[in-house]
Amino acid sequence: MYQVAQCWDDGVVNDIIVAEICRKYNAKATFNINPGLRDKTKRKCGWKFQDFDVYGLALDEMPSVYEGFQVASHTMTHPRPTQIPLEQFRMEAVDARKYIEDVWQREARGFAWPCGDYNDDCIRVLREEGFAYGRTTRNAEIVIPCEEPMALPSHCHFLNPDFDRIREKAKKTGTFYFWGHSYEMKDDPRLRERYEAIIRDISADPEAVWVDVIDLVR
């Protein structure tokens, strides 16, 4: 048996696709959000990814979109943690967590580093504030056990061309963990189909057990 975890950053409209596919195949996922960048009632275009306009979800629709999934802090406004004062970073990380815990009425001790940016001082802040892990953008052949859960790596990005090979190799370690930005699928049906094939194949694997990211470090 091996455990499989996935997470998705930024709280964007394309997360609806991820959530729908995960529900279809009874897969678990963690969504890392920036509440301070989102409008309460309206979807707002935040930036362009290649030729695609990326829209953030409205705060009011997030509870239904993420119903049944884990939600984690990605800071309030997505600053690079090492480029702002340490106490400002603390507020960014903790305020997003408090928002999530208030809305979803459950503990939210997960964290994803914006831009994969962190240092030892930032790690210390997460530990002081009781976070369980901080996901980086670093890839590793072995994710668990992890010497420093506040600098948790993953195995790969979901669009990694070697995804299948990496997954097969990761099985032997007992854990496979991947991540991504759902907006990277844009409105391309081929990329949606590729993602659905990933989730379908993992869910059909009798050796695979879906877990939440926080379960990796418990």
N, C-alpha and C. Protein backbone atom coordinates (compact mmCIF):
# COMPACT_ATOMS: atom_id res chain seq x y z
N MET A 1 0.84 -1.20 0.00
CA MET A 1 0.00 0.00 0.00
C MET A 1 0.87 1.25 0.00
N TYR A 2 0.39 2.31 -0.60
CA TYR A 2 1.07 3.59 -0.52
C TYR A 2 0.02 4.69 -0.45
N GLN A 3 0.37 5.79 0.23
CA GLN A 3 -0.56 6.90 0.39
C GLN A 3 -0.29 7.96 -0.67
N VAL A 4 -1.38 8.60 -1.11
CA VAL A 4 -1.29 9.61 -2.18
C VAL A 4 -1.95 10.89 -1.69
N ALA A 5 -1.24 12.01 -1.86
CA ALA A 5 -1.77 13.32 -1.48
C ALA A 5 -1.54 14.30 -2.62
N GLN A 6 -2.42 15.30 -2.71
CA GLN A 6 -2.28 16.36 -3.73
C GLN A 6 -2.73 17.68 -3.12
N CYS A 7 -2.18 18.79 -3.64
CA CYS A 7 -2.67 20.10 -3.21
C CYS A 7 -2.58 21.10 -4.35
N TRP A 8 -3.41 22.15 -4.22
CA TRP A 8 -3.60 23.14 -5.29
C TRP A 8 -3.58 24.54 -4.70
N ASP A 9 -2.88 25.44 -5.36
CA ASP A 9 -2.63 26.76 -4.79
C ASP A 9 -3.52 27.86 -5.40
N ASP A 10 -3.81 28.86 -4.57
CA ASP A 10 -4.28 30.19 -4.96
C ASP A 10 -5.80 30.42 -4.96
N GLY A 11 -6.62 29.38 -4.83
CA GLY A 11 -8.06 29.62 -4.72
C GLY A 11 -8.68 30.22 -5.96
N VAL A 12 -8.46 29.58 -7.10
CA VAL A 12 -8.93 30.13 -8.38
C VAL A 12 -10.11 29.33 -8.92
N VAL A 13 -10.77 29.90 -9.94
CA VAL A 13 -11.99 29.32 -10.48
C VAL A 13 -11.76 27.90 -11.01
N ASN A 14 -10.60 27.65 -11.59
CA ASN A 14 -10.33 26.31 -12.11
C ASN A 14 -10.29 25.24 -11.03
N ASP A 15 -10.21 25.65 -9.76
CA ASP A 15 -10.29 24.66 -8.68
C ASP A 15 -11.62 23.92 -8.71
N ILE A 16 -12.63 24.52 -9.30
CA ILE A 16 -13.94 23.85 -9.42
C ILE A 16 -13.77 22.56 -10.22
N ILE A 17 -12.97 22.60 -11.27
CA ILE A 17 -12.71 21.41 -12.08
C ILE A 17 -12.02 20.34 -11.25
N VAL A 18 -11.00 20.75 -10.51
CA VAL A 18 -10.28 19.80 -9.66
C VAL A 18 -11.22 19.16 -8.65
N ALA A 19 -12.02 19.98 -7.99
CA ALA A 19 -12.94 19.46 -6.97
C ALA A 19 -13.95 18.49 -7.59
N GLU A 20 -14.49 18.83 -8.75
CA GLU A 20 -15.47 17.95 -9.41
C GLU A 20 -14.85 16.59 -9.75
N ILE A 21 -13.66 16.62 -10.30
CA ILE A 21 -12.99 15.37 -10.68
C ILE A 21 -12.65 14.55 -9.44
N CYS A 22 -12.18 15.21 -8.40
CA CYS A 22 -11.84 14.49 -7.16
C CYS A 22 -13.08 13.85 -6.55
N ARG A 23 -14.19 14.56 -6.54
CA ARG A 23 -15.43 13.97 -6.00
C ARG A 23 -15.85 12.76 -6.84
N LYS A 24 -15.69 12.85 -8.14
CA LYS A 24 -16.10 11.77 -9.05
C LYS A 24 -15.37 10.47 -8.72
N TYR A 25 -14.10 10.59 -8.31
CA TYR A 25 -13.28 9.40 -8.06
C TYR A 25 -12.93 9.22 -6.57
N ASN A 26 -13.63 9.94 -5.71
CA ASN A 26 -13.42 9.83 -4.26
C ASN A 26 -11.96 10.09 -3.87
N ALA A 27 -11.36 11.08 -4.51
CA ALA A 27 -9.99 11.47 -4.20
C ALA A 27 -9.97 12.63 -3.21
N LYS A 28 -8.94 12.69 -2.40
CA LYS A 28 -8.76 13.80 -1.46
C LYS A 28 -7.84 14.85 -2.07
N ALA A 29 -8.01 16.10 -1.63
CA ALA A 29 -7.15 17.19 -2.09
C ALA A 29 -7.16 18.29 -1.03
N THR A 30 -6.08 19.04 -0.99
CA THR A 30 -5.98 20.22 -0.13
C THR A 30 -5.86 21.45 -1.02
N PHE A 31 -6.63 22.48 -0.70
CA PHE A 31 -6.61 23.72 -1.47
C PHE A 31 -6.02 24.84 -0.61
N ASN A 32 -4.98 25.48 -1.12
CA ASN A 32 -4.25 26.52 -0.39
C ASN A 32 -4.69 27.89 -0.90
N ILE A 33 -5.26 28.71 -0.02
CA ILE A 33 -5.92 29.93 -0.49
C ILE A 33 -5.32 31.20 0.11
N ASN A 34 -5.58 32.32 -0.60
CA ASN A 34 -5.17 33.67 -0.19
C ASN A 34 -6.43 34.53 -0.01
N PRO A 35 -7.09 34.47 1.13
CA PRO A 35 -8.38 35.16 1.28
C PRO A 35 -8.31 36.66 1.05
N GLY A 36 -7.17 37.28 1.37
CA GLY A 36 -7.06 38.73 1.24
C GLY A 36 -7.04 39.23 -0.18
N LEU A 37 -6.86 38.34 -1.14
CA LEU A 37 -6.84 38.73 -2.55
C LEU A 37 -8.20 38.55 -3.22
N ARG A 38 -9.15 37.98 -2.51
CA ARG A 38 -10.42 37.60 -3.13
C ARG A 38 -11.55 38.54 -2.71
N ASP A 39 -12.46 38.82 -3.65
CA ASP A 39 -13.64 39.61 -3.37
C ASP A 39 -14.68 38.75 -2.68
N LYS A 40 -15.51 39.36 -1.86
CA LYS A 40 -16.51 38.59 -1.11
C LYS A 40 -17.54 37.93 -2.02
N THR A 41 -18.02 38.65 -3.02
CA THR A 41 -19.13 38.13 -3.82
C THR A 41 -18.83 37.96 -5.30
N LYS A 42 -17.73 38.54 -5.80
CA LYS A 42 -17.47 38.52 -7.24
C LYS A 42 -16.16 37.81 -7.55
N ARG A 43 -16.16 37.12 -8.67
CA ARG A 43 -14.92 36.57 -9.20
C ARG A 43 -14.14 37.70 -9.87
N LYS A 44 -12.86 37.80 -9.54
CA LYS A 44 -12.03 38.87 -10.10
C LYS A 44 -10.87 38.28 -10.87
N CYS A 45 -10.56 38.90 -12.01
CA CYS A 45 -9.38 38.50 -12.77
C CYS A 45 -8.14 39.00 -12.04
N GLY A 46 -7.28 38.08 -11.66
CA GLY A 46 -6.10 38.47 -10.89
C GLY A 46 -4.85 38.66 -11.73
N TRP A 47 -4.68 37.83 -12.76
CA TRP A 47 -3.49 37.91 -13.59
C TRP A 47 -3.69 37.04 -14.83
N LYS A 48 -2.73 37.13 -15.71
CA LYS A 48 -2.75 36.28 -16.91
C LYS A 48 -1.71 35.18 -16.76
N PHE A 49 -2.10 33.98 -17.14
CA PHE A 49 -1.16 32.87 -17.25
C PHE A 49 -1.08 32.51 -18.72
N GLN A 50 0.08 32.82 -19.32
CA GLN A 50 0.21 32.69 -20.78
C GLN A 50 -0.92 33.52 -21.43
N ASP A 51 -1.83 32.90 -22.16
CA ASP A 51 -2.89 33.67 -22.81
C ASP A 51 -4.22 33.56 -22.06
N PHE A 52 -4.17 33.07 -20.83
CA PHE A 52 -5.38 32.73 -20.08
C PHE A 52 -5.60 33.70 -18.92
N ASP A 53 -6.80 34.26 -18.83
CA ASP A 53 -7.15 35.13 -17.70
C ASP A 53 -7.48 34.28 -16.48
N VAL A 54 -6.73 34.48 -15.40
CA VAL A 54 -6.93 33.71 -14.18
C VAL A 54 -7.88 34.47 -13.25
N TYR A 55 -9.01 33.86 -12.93
CA TYR A 55 -9.99 34.47 -12.04
C TYR A 55 -9.94 33.78 -10.68
N GLY A 56 -9.98 34.60 -9.62
CA GLY A 56 -10.09 34.07 -8.28
C GLY A 56 -11.54 33.78 -7.94
N LEU A 57 -11.74 32.74 -7.15
CA LEU A 57 -13.08 32.46 -6.65
C LEU A 57 -13.54 33.58 -5.72
N ALA A 58 -14.83 33.84 -5.67
CA ALA A 58 -15.39 34.74 -4.66
C ALA A 58 -15.34 34.03 -3.31
N LEU A 59 -15.10 34.79 -2.25
CA LEU A 59 -15.04 34.18 -0.92
C LEU A 59 -16.33 33.46 -0.58
N ASP A 60 -17.46 34.02 -0.99
CA ASP A 60 -18.75 33.43 -0.62
C ASP A 60 -19.00 32.08 -1.29
N GLU A 61 -18.32 31.81 -2.40
CA GLU A 61 -18.56 30.52 -3.07
C GLU A 61 -17.55 29.45 -2.65
N MET A 62 -16.50 29.85 -1.96
CA MET A 62 -15.48 28.87 -1.58
C MET A 62 -16.01 27.73 -0.71
N PRO A 63 -16.88 28.01 0.28
CA PRO A 63 -17.35 26.89 1.11
C PRO A 63 -18.01 25.78 0.31
N SER A 64 -18.77 26.12 -0.71
CA SER A 64 -19.42 25.07 -1.50
C SER A 64 -18.43 24.41 -2.45
N VAL A 65 -17.52 25.19 -3.04
CA VAL A 65 -16.53 24.61 -3.95
C VAL A 65 -15.65 23.62 -3.21
N TYR A 66 -15.23 23.98 -1.99
CA TYR A 66 -14.28 23.16 -1.24
C TYR A 66 -14.95 22.25 -0.21
N GLU A 67 -16.24 22.10 -0.30
CA GLU A 67 -16.94 21.25 0.66
C GLU A 67 -16.37 19.82 0.62
N GLY A 68 -15.99 19.32 1.80
CA GLY A 68 -15.46 17.97 1.90
C GLY A 68 -13.96 17.88 1.71
N PHE A 69 -13.30 19.00 1.41
CA PHE A 69 -11.85 19.01 1.20
C PHE A 69 -11.15 19.80 2.30
N GLN A 70 -9.86 19.57 2.43
CA GLN A 70 -9.05 20.37 3.34
C GLN A 70 -8.70 21.70 2.68
N VAL A 71 -8.66 22.77 3.49
CA VAL A 71 -8.27 24.10 3.04
C VAL A 71 -7.13 24.57 3.93
N ALA A 72 -6.09 25.16 3.33
CA ALA A 72 -4.89 25.54 4.08
C ALA A 72 -4.46 26.97 3.74
N SER A 73 -3.65 27.53 4.62
CA SER A 73 -3.15 28.90 4.45
C SER A 73 -2.07 28.96 3.37
N HIS A 74 -2.22 29.96 2.53
CA HIS A 74 -1.20 30.29 1.51
C HIS A 74 -0.82 31.76 1.68
N THR A 75 -1.01 32.26 2.91
CA THR A 75 -0.95 33.67 3.33
C THR A 75 -2.20 34.41 2.86
N MET A 76 -2.38 35.61 3.38
CA MET A 76 -3.54 36.41 2.99
C MET A 76 -3.41 36.96 1.58
N THR A 77 -2.22 37.48 1.24
CA THR A 77 -2.08 38.22 -0.03
C THR A 77 -0.92 37.77 -0.91
N HIS A 78 -0.33 36.59 -0.59
CA HIS A 78 0.70 35.99 -1.45
C HIS A 78 1.97 36.81 -1.59
N PRO A 79 2.50 37.42 -0.54
CA PRO A 79 3.82 38.04 -0.65
C PRO A 79 4.91 36.98 -0.62
N ARG A 80 6.09 37.33 -1.08
CA ARG A 80 7.23 36.44 -0.90
C ARG A 80 7.67 36.55 0.56
N PRO A 81 7.62 35.47 1.34
CA PRO A 81 7.85 35.56 2.78
C PRO A 81 9.17 36.17 3.19
N THR A 82 10.24 35.92 2.43
CA THR A 82 11.55 36.43 2.84
C THR A 82 11.76 37.89 2.45
N GLN A 83 10.81 38.48 1.73
CA GLN A 83 10.97 39.85 1.27
C GLN A 83 10.06 40.84 2.00
N ILE A 84 9.46 40.39 3.09
CA ILE A 84 8.66 41.27 3.93
C ILE A 84 9.15 41.12 5.37
N PRO A 85 8.87 42.09 6.26
CA PRO A 85 9.26 41.93 7.66
C PRO A 85 8.68 40.66 8.27
N LEU A 86 9.44 40.07 9.17
CA LEU A 86 9.06 38.77 9.72
C LEU A 86 7.69 38.82 10.40
N GLU A 87 7.41 39.88 11.14
CA GLU A 87 6.12 39.96 11.82
C GLU A 87 4.98 40.16 10.83
N GLN A 88 5.26 40.78 9.71
CA GLN A 88 4.24 40.89 8.67
C GLN A 88 3.95 39.50 8.08
N PHE A 89 5.02 38.72 7.88
CA PHE A 89 4.81 37.36 7.40
C PHE A 89 3.97 36.56 8.39
N ARG A 90 4.25 36.72 9.67
CA ARG A 90 3.47 36.01 10.69
C ARG A 90 1.98 36.33 10.55
N MET A 91 1.68 37.61 10.41
CA MET A 91 0.28 38.02 10.28
C MET A 91 -0.34 37.45 9.01
N GLU A 92 0.41 37.48 7.92
CA GLU A 92 -0.09 36.94 6.65
C GLU A 92 -0.47 35.46 6.79
N ALA A 93 0.41 34.69 7.39
CA ALA A 93 0.18 33.25 7.52
C ALA A 93 -0.95 32.95 8.50
N VAL A 94 -0.92 33.62 9.64
CA VAL A 94 -1.89 33.32 10.70
C VAL A 94 -3.28 33.87 10.36
N ASP A 95 -3.35 35.06 9.79
CA ASP A 95 -4.66 35.64 9.48
C ASP A 95 -5.41 34.78 8.45
N ALA A 96 -4.68 34.23 7.48
CA ALA A 96 -5.33 33.33 6.51
C ALA A 96 -5.82 32.07 7.22
N ARG A 97 -5.02 31.57 8.13
CA ARG A 97 -5.45 30.38 8.89
C ARG A 97 -6.70 30.68 9.71
N LYS A 98 -6.70 31.83 10.39
CA LYS A 98 -7.86 32.20 11.20
C LYS A 98 -9.11 32.35 10.35
N TYR A 99 -8.95 32.93 9.17
CA TYR A 99 -10.08 33.07 8.26
C TYR A 99 -10.65 31.70 7.90
N ILE A 100 -9.77 30.78 7.52
CA ILE A 100 -10.20 29.44 7.14
C ILE A 100 -10.89 28.73 8.30
N GLU A 101 -10.31 28.83 9.47
CA GLU A 101 -10.89 28.14 10.63
C GLU A 101 -12.25 28.73 11.01
N ASP A 102 -12.40 30.03 10.81
CA ASP A 102 -13.68 30.67 11.11
C ASP A 102 -14.76 30.24 10.11
N VAL A 103 -14.41 30.22 8.82
CA VAL A 103 -15.40 29.90 7.79
C VAL A 103 -15.74 28.42 7.79
N TRP A 104 -14.72 27.57 7.86
CA TRP A 104 -14.96 26.13 7.75
C TRP A 104 -15.17 25.45 9.10
N GLN A 105 -14.94 26.20 10.18
CA GLN A 105 -15.19 25.69 11.53
C GLN A 105 -14.43 24.38 11.81
N ARG A 106 -13.17 24.38 11.38
CA ARG A 106 -12.30 23.25 11.72
C ARG A 106 -10.86 23.73 11.69
N GLU A 107 -10.01 22.98 12.34
CA GLU A 107 -8.60 23.36 12.42
C GLU A 107 -7.95 23.35 11.04
N ALA A 108 -7.08 24.33 10.81
CA ALA A 108 -6.39 24.44 9.51
C ALA A 108 -4.91 24.71 9.78
N ARG A 109 -4.14 23.65 9.96
CA ARG A 109 -2.73 23.79 10.34
C ARG A 109 -1.78 23.61 9.16
N GLY A 110 -2.34 23.53 7.94
CA GLY A 110 -1.49 23.40 6.77
C GLY A 110 -1.06 24.74 6.22
N PHE A 111 0.05 24.74 5.48
CA PHE A 111 0.58 25.97 4.89
C PHE A 111 1.32 25.63 3.61
N ALA A 112 1.22 26.51 2.63
CA ALA A 112 2.00 26.39 1.40
C ALA A 112 2.77 27.69 1.20
N TRP A 113 4.05 27.60 0.98
CA TRP A 113 4.91 28.78 0.84
C TRP A 113 4.64 29.47 -0.50
N PRO A 114 4.26 30.75 -0.51
CA PRO A 114 4.10 31.48 -1.77
C PRO A 114 5.41 31.53 -2.55
N CYS A 115 5.35 31.14 -3.80
CA CYS A 115 6.53 31.11 -4.67
C CYS A 115 7.61 30.15 -4.16
N GLY A 116 7.26 29.29 -3.22
CA GLY A 116 8.24 28.37 -2.65
C GLY A 116 9.32 29.08 -1.86
N ASP A 117 9.04 30.30 -1.40
CA ASP A 117 10.04 31.17 -0.79
C ASP A 117 10.00 31.07 0.73
N TYR A 118 11.13 30.75 1.36
CA TYR A 118 11.19 30.66 2.82
C TYR A 118 12.64 30.71 3.29
N ASN A 119 12.81 30.92 4.58
CA ASN A 119 14.13 30.82 5.20
C ASN A 119 13.94 30.28 6.62
N ASP A 120 15.02 30.17 7.37
CA ASP A 120 14.95 29.58 8.71
C ASP A 120 14.07 30.40 9.65
N ASP A 121 14.12 31.73 9.53
CA ASP A 121 13.28 32.57 10.40
C ASP A 121 11.80 32.35 10.12
N CYS A 122 11.45 32.25 8.84
CA CYS A 122 10.05 32.01 8.48
C CYS A 122 9.59 30.64 8.97
N ILE A 123 10.45 29.65 8.85
CA ILE A 123 10.13 28.32 9.37
C ILE A 123 9.87 28.39 10.87
N ARG A 124 10.70 29.14 11.59
CA ARG A 124 10.51 29.29 13.04
C ARG A 124 9.15 29.88 13.35
N VAL A 125 8.72 30.87 12.56
CA VAL A 125 7.41 31.49 12.79
C VAL A 125 6.30 30.46 12.63
N LEU A 126 6.35 29.67 11.57
CA LEU A 126 5.31 28.65 11.38
C LEU A 126 5.26 27.70 12.56
N ARG A 127 6.44 27.30 13.03
CA ARG A 127 6.48 26.37 14.16
C ARG A 127 5.90 27.03 15.41
N GLU A 128 6.27 28.27 15.65
CA GLU A 128 5.75 28.99 16.83
C GLU A 128 4.23 29.12 16.78
N GLU A 129 3.68 29.24 15.59
CA GLU A 129 2.24 29.45 15.44
C GLU A 129 1.45 28.14 15.33
N GLY A 130 2.15 27.02 15.47
CA GLY A 130 1.44 25.75 15.54
C GLY A 130 1.05 25.13 14.21
N PHE A 131 1.66 25.57 13.12
CA PHE A 131 1.39 24.93 11.84
C PHE A 131 2.01 23.52 11.84
N ALA A 132 1.39 22.63 11.09
CA ALA A 132 1.86 21.24 11.04
C ALA A 132 2.90 21.02 9.95
N TYR A 133 2.82 21.82 8.89
CA TYR A 133 3.77 21.68 7.79
C TYR A 133 3.76 22.95 6.96
N GLY A 134 4.80 23.11 6.13
CA GLY A 134 4.85 24.17 5.14
C GLY A 134 5.31 23.56 3.83
N ARG A 135 4.44 23.51 2.84
CA ARG A 135 4.81 22.87 1.57
C ARG A 135 5.64 23.79 0.70
N THR A 136 6.76 23.29 0.25
CA THR A 136 7.65 24.03 -0.63
C THR A 136 7.33 23.69 -2.09
N THR A 137 8.09 24.25 -3.02
CA THR A 137 7.99 23.85 -4.43
C THR A 137 9.15 22.93 -4.81
N ARG A 138 9.89 22.49 -3.80
CA ARG A 138 11.03 21.61 -4.04
C ARG A 138 10.55 20.19 -4.29
N ASN A 139 11.21 19.50 -5.21
CA ASN A 139 10.92 18.09 -5.47
C ASN A 139 11.94 17.21 -4.76
N ALA A 140 11.50 16.05 -4.33
CA ALA A 140 12.39 15.09 -3.68
C ALA A 140 11.96 13.68 -4.04
N GLU A 141 12.91 12.77 -4.06
CA GLU A 141 12.57 11.38 -4.35
C GLU A 141 11.87 10.73 -3.17
N ILE A 142 12.22 11.17 -1.96
CA ILE A 142 11.57 10.67 -0.75
C ILE A 142 10.96 11.86 -0.02
N VAL A 143 9.65 11.87 0.14
CA VAL A 143 8.95 12.97 0.80
C VAL A 143 8.78 12.70 2.29
N ILE A 144 8.38 11.48 2.61
CA ILE A 144 8.19 11.06 4.00
C ILE A 144 9.03 9.81 4.24
N PRO A 145 9.84 9.81 5.32
CA PRO A 145 9.93 10.81 6.40
C PRO A 145 10.59 12.10 5.94
N CYS A 146 10.18 13.19 6.60
CA CYS A 146 10.70 14.52 6.27
C CYS A 146 11.38 15.09 7.52
N GLU A 147 12.64 15.47 7.36
CA GLU A 147 13.40 15.99 8.49
C GLU A 147 12.81 17.28 9.03
N GLU A 148 12.32 18.15 8.12
CA GLU A 148 11.75 19.44 8.51
C GLU A 148 10.38 19.60 7.85
N PRO A 149 9.29 19.27 8.58
CA PRO A 149 7.96 19.37 7.98
C PRO A 149 7.56 20.78 7.58
N MET A 150 8.23 21.82 8.12
CA MET A 150 7.94 23.18 7.69
C MET A 150 8.59 23.50 6.34
N ALA A 151 9.37 22.56 5.83
CA ALA A 151 9.93 22.67 4.48
C ALA A 151 9.65 21.37 3.73
N LEU A 152 8.37 21.04 3.67
CA LEU A 152 7.94 19.76 3.10
C LEU A 152 8.03 19.80 1.58
N PRO A 153 8.75 18.87 0.98
CA PRO A 153 8.80 18.82 -0.49
C PRO A 153 7.65 17.98 -1.02
N SER A 154 7.50 17.97 -2.32
CA SER A 154 6.58 17.04 -2.99
C SER A 154 7.42 16.21 -3.96
N HIS A 155 6.77 15.25 -4.58
CA HIS A 155 7.49 14.47 -5.59
C HIS A 155 7.56 15.20 -6.92
N CYS A 156 6.46 15.86 -7.29
CA CYS A 156 6.47 16.54 -8.59
C CYS A 156 5.23 17.41 -8.77
N HIS A 157 5.28 18.22 -9.79
CA HIS A 157 4.15 19.01 -10.27
C HIS A 157 3.26 18.10 -11.12
N PHE A 158 1.96 18.40 -11.16
CA PHE A 158 1.05 17.50 -11.88
C PHE A 158 1.28 17.50 -13.38
N LEU A 159 1.93 18.51 -13.93
CA LEU A 159 2.22 18.55 -15.37
C LEU A 159 3.63 18.06 -15.70
N ASN A 160 4.31 17.51 -14.71
CA ASN A 160 5.65 16.97 -14.97
C ASN A 160 5.55 15.88 -16.05
N PRO A 161 6.33 15.99 -17.12
CA PRO A 161 6.23 14.98 -18.20
C PRO A 161 6.61 13.58 -17.74
N ASP A 162 7.32 13.47 -16.62
CA ASP A 162 7.71 12.17 -16.08
C ASP A 162 6.80 11.73 -14.93
N PHE A 163 5.60 12.30 -14.89
CA PHE A 163 4.69 12.05 -13.77
C PHE A 163 4.52 10.55 -13.48
N ASP A 164 4.22 9.76 -14.50
CA ASP A 164 3.95 8.33 -14.29
C ASP A 164 5.17 7.60 -13.75
N ARG A 165 6.33 7.93 -14.29
CA ARG A 165 7.55 7.28 -13.82
C ARG A 165 7.85 7.65 -12.38
N ILE A 166 7.65 8.94 -12.04
CA ILE A 166 7.90 9.40 -10.67
C ILE A 166 6.94 8.72 -9.70
N ARG A 167 5.69 8.61 -10.11
CA ARG A 167 4.71 7.93 -9.25
C ARG A 167 5.10 6.47 -9.01
N GLU A 168 5.49 5.77 -10.06
CA GLU A 168 5.87 4.37 -9.91
C GLU A 168 7.05 4.22 -8.95
N LYS A 169 8.00 5.13 -9.06
CA LYS A 169 9.16 5.08 -8.17
C LYS A 169 8.77 5.42 -6.74
N ALA A 170 7.85 6.39 -6.60
CA ALA A 170 7.44 6.82 -5.26
C ALA A 170 6.67 5.73 -4.53
N LYS A 171 5.99 4.87 -5.25
CA LYS A 171 5.23 3.79 -4.61
C LYS A 171 6.10 3.01 -3.62
N LYS A 172 7.36 2.81 -3.99
CA LYS A 172 8.26 2.00 -3.17
C LYS A 172 8.59 2.67 -1.84
N THR A 173 8.39 4.00 -1.79
CA THR A 173 8.67 4.74 -0.55
C THR A 173 7.45 4.78 0.38
N GLY A 174 6.28 4.40 -0.16
CA GLY A 174 5.06 4.40 0.63
C GLY A 174 4.25 5.67 0.54
N THR A 175 4.76 6.67 -0.21
CA THR A 175 4.06 7.96 -0.32
C THR A 175 4.28 8.56 -1.70
N PHE A 176 3.21 9.12 -2.26
CA PHE A 176 3.32 9.90 -3.49
C PHE A 176 2.54 11.19 -3.30
N TYR A 177 3.22 12.34 -3.53
CA TYR A 177 2.63 13.65 -3.26
C TYR A 177 2.90 14.56 -4.45
N PHE A 178 1.84 15.12 -5.02
CA PHE A 178 2.01 16.05 -6.14
C PHE A 178 1.16 17.30 -5.91
N TRP A 179 1.46 18.35 -6.67
CA TRP A 179 0.78 19.63 -6.47
C TRP A 179 0.65 20.35 -7.80
N GLY A 180 -0.04 21.50 -7.78
CA GLY A 180 -0.14 22.31 -8.98
C GLY A 180 -0.99 23.54 -8.78
N HIS A 181 -1.15 24.28 -9.86
CA HIS A 181 -2.10 25.39 -9.94
C HIS A 181 -3.15 24.96 -10.97
N SER A 182 -4.41 24.94 -10.57
CA SER A 182 -5.43 24.46 -11.50
C SER A 182 -5.54 25.36 -12.74
N TYR A 183 -5.16 26.64 -12.61
CA TYR A 183 -5.26 27.52 -13.77
C TYR A 183 -4.27 27.12 -14.88
N GLU A 184 -3.31 26.30 -14.55
CA GLU A 184 -2.37 25.83 -15.57
C GLU A 184 -3.06 24.91 -16.58
N MET A 185 -4.24 24.41 -16.22
CA MET A 185 -5.04 23.66 -17.20
C MET A 185 -5.75 24.59 -18.17
N LYS A 186 -5.80 25.88 -17.80
CA LYS A 186 -6.48 26.90 -18.61
C LYS A 186 -7.89 26.40 -18.96
N ASP A 187 -8.30 26.58 -20.20
CA ASP A 187 -9.57 26.01 -20.65
C ASP A 187 -9.31 24.95 -21.71
N ASP A 188 -8.18 24.26 -21.56
CA ASP A 188 -7.74 23.25 -22.52
C ASP A 188 -8.32 21.89 -22.13
N PRO A 189 -9.24 21.34 -22.91
CA PRO A 189 -9.84 20.04 -22.55
C PRO A 189 -8.81 18.92 -22.48
N ARG A 190 -7.72 19.03 -23.21
CA ARG A 190 -6.71 17.98 -23.18
C ARG A 190 -6.02 17.92 -21.82
N LEU A 191 -5.79 19.10 -21.23
CA LEU A 191 -5.15 19.12 -19.92
C LEU A 191 -6.11 18.66 -18.82
N ARG A 192 -7.39 19.03 -18.98
CA ARG A 192 -8.38 18.52 -18.03
C ARG A 192 -8.46 17.00 -18.12
N GLU A 193 -8.47 16.47 -19.33
CA GLU A 193 -8.54 15.02 -19.51
C GLU A 193 -7.30 14.33 -18.95
N ARG A 194 -6.16 15.00 -19.11
CA ARG A 194 -4.92 14.44 -18.56
C ARG A 194 -5.02 14.36 -17.05
N TYR A 195 -5.50 15.44 -16.42
CA TYR A 195 -5.64 15.43 -14.97
C TYR A 195 -6.65 14.36 -14.53
N GLU A 196 -7.78 14.29 -15.22
CA GLU A 196 -8.77 13.29 -14.84
C GLU A 196 -8.20 11.88 -14.97
N ALA A 197 -7.41 11.64 -15.98
CA ALA A 197 -6.79 10.33 -16.15
C ALA A 197 -5.87 10.00 -14.98
N ILE A 198 -5.14 11.01 -14.49
CA ILE A 198 -4.27 10.81 -13.33
C ILE A 198 -5.09 10.37 -12.13
N ILE A 199 -6.16 11.11 -11.84
CA ILE A 199 -6.97 10.81 -10.66
C ILE A 199 -7.69 9.47 -10.83
N ARG A 200 -8.19 9.20 -12.01
CA ARG A 200 -8.88 7.93 -12.26
C ARG A 200 -7.92 6.75 -12.07
N ASP A 201 -6.70 6.87 -12.60
CA ASP A 201 -5.74 5.77 -12.52
C ASP A 201 -5.30 5.52 -11.07
N ILE A 202 -5.07 6.59 -10.33
CA ILE A 202 -4.67 6.41 -8.93
C ILE A 202 -5.80 5.80 -8.13
N SER A 203 -7.02 6.29 -8.34
CA SER A 203 -8.16 5.78 -7.58
C SER A 203 -8.45 4.32 -7.92
N ALA A 204 -8.11 3.88 -9.12
CA ALA A 204 -8.33 2.50 -9.53
C ALA A 204 -7.21 1.57 -9.06
N ASP A 205 -6.13 2.13 -8.57
CA ASP A 205 -4.99 1.33 -8.11
C ASP A 205 -5.32 0.75 -6.73
N PRO A 206 -5.44 -0.55 -6.59
CA PRO A 206 -5.81 -1.13 -5.30
C PRO A 206 -4.78 -0.90 -4.20
N GLU A 207 -3.57 -0.52 -4.58
CA GLU A 207 -2.53 -0.27 -3.58
C GLU A 207 -2.53 1.18 -3.09
N ALA A 208 -3.28 2.07 -3.77
CA ALA A 208 -3.24 3.50 -3.44
C ALA A 208 -4.32 3.84 -2.41
N VAL A 209 -3.95 4.69 -1.46
CA VAL A 209 -4.88 5.19 -0.45
C VAL A 209 -4.77 6.72 -0.44
N TRP A 210 -5.85 7.41 -0.80
CA TRP A 210 -5.84 8.87 -0.78
C TRP A 210 -5.80 9.37 0.66
N VAL A 211 -4.94 10.36 0.92
CA VAL A 211 -4.86 11.01 2.23
C VAL A 211 -4.78 12.51 2.02
N ASP A 212 -5.08 13.27 3.09
CA ASP A 212 -4.86 14.71 3.05
C ASP A 212 -3.38 15.00 3.29
N VAL A 213 -2.92 16.15 2.83
CA VAL A 213 -1.50 16.49 3.00
C VAL A 213 -1.10 16.45 4.47
N ILE A 214 -1.97 16.95 5.34
CA ILE A 214 -1.61 16.99 6.76
C ILE A 214 -1.41 15.59 7.33
N ASP A 215 -2.05 14.59 6.73
CA ASP A 215 -1.89 13.21 7.20
C ASP A 215 -0.45 12.71 6.98
N LEU A 216 0.25 13.30 6.02
CA LEU A 216 1.62 12.88 5.74
C LEU A 216 2.55 13.14 6.91
N VAL A 217 2.25 14.17 7.69
CA VAL A 217 3.17 14.58 8.75
C VAL A 217 2.63 14.24 10.13
N ARG A 218 1.49 13.61 10.21
CA ARG A 218 0.95 13.21 11.52
C ARG A 218 1.65 11.99 12.05
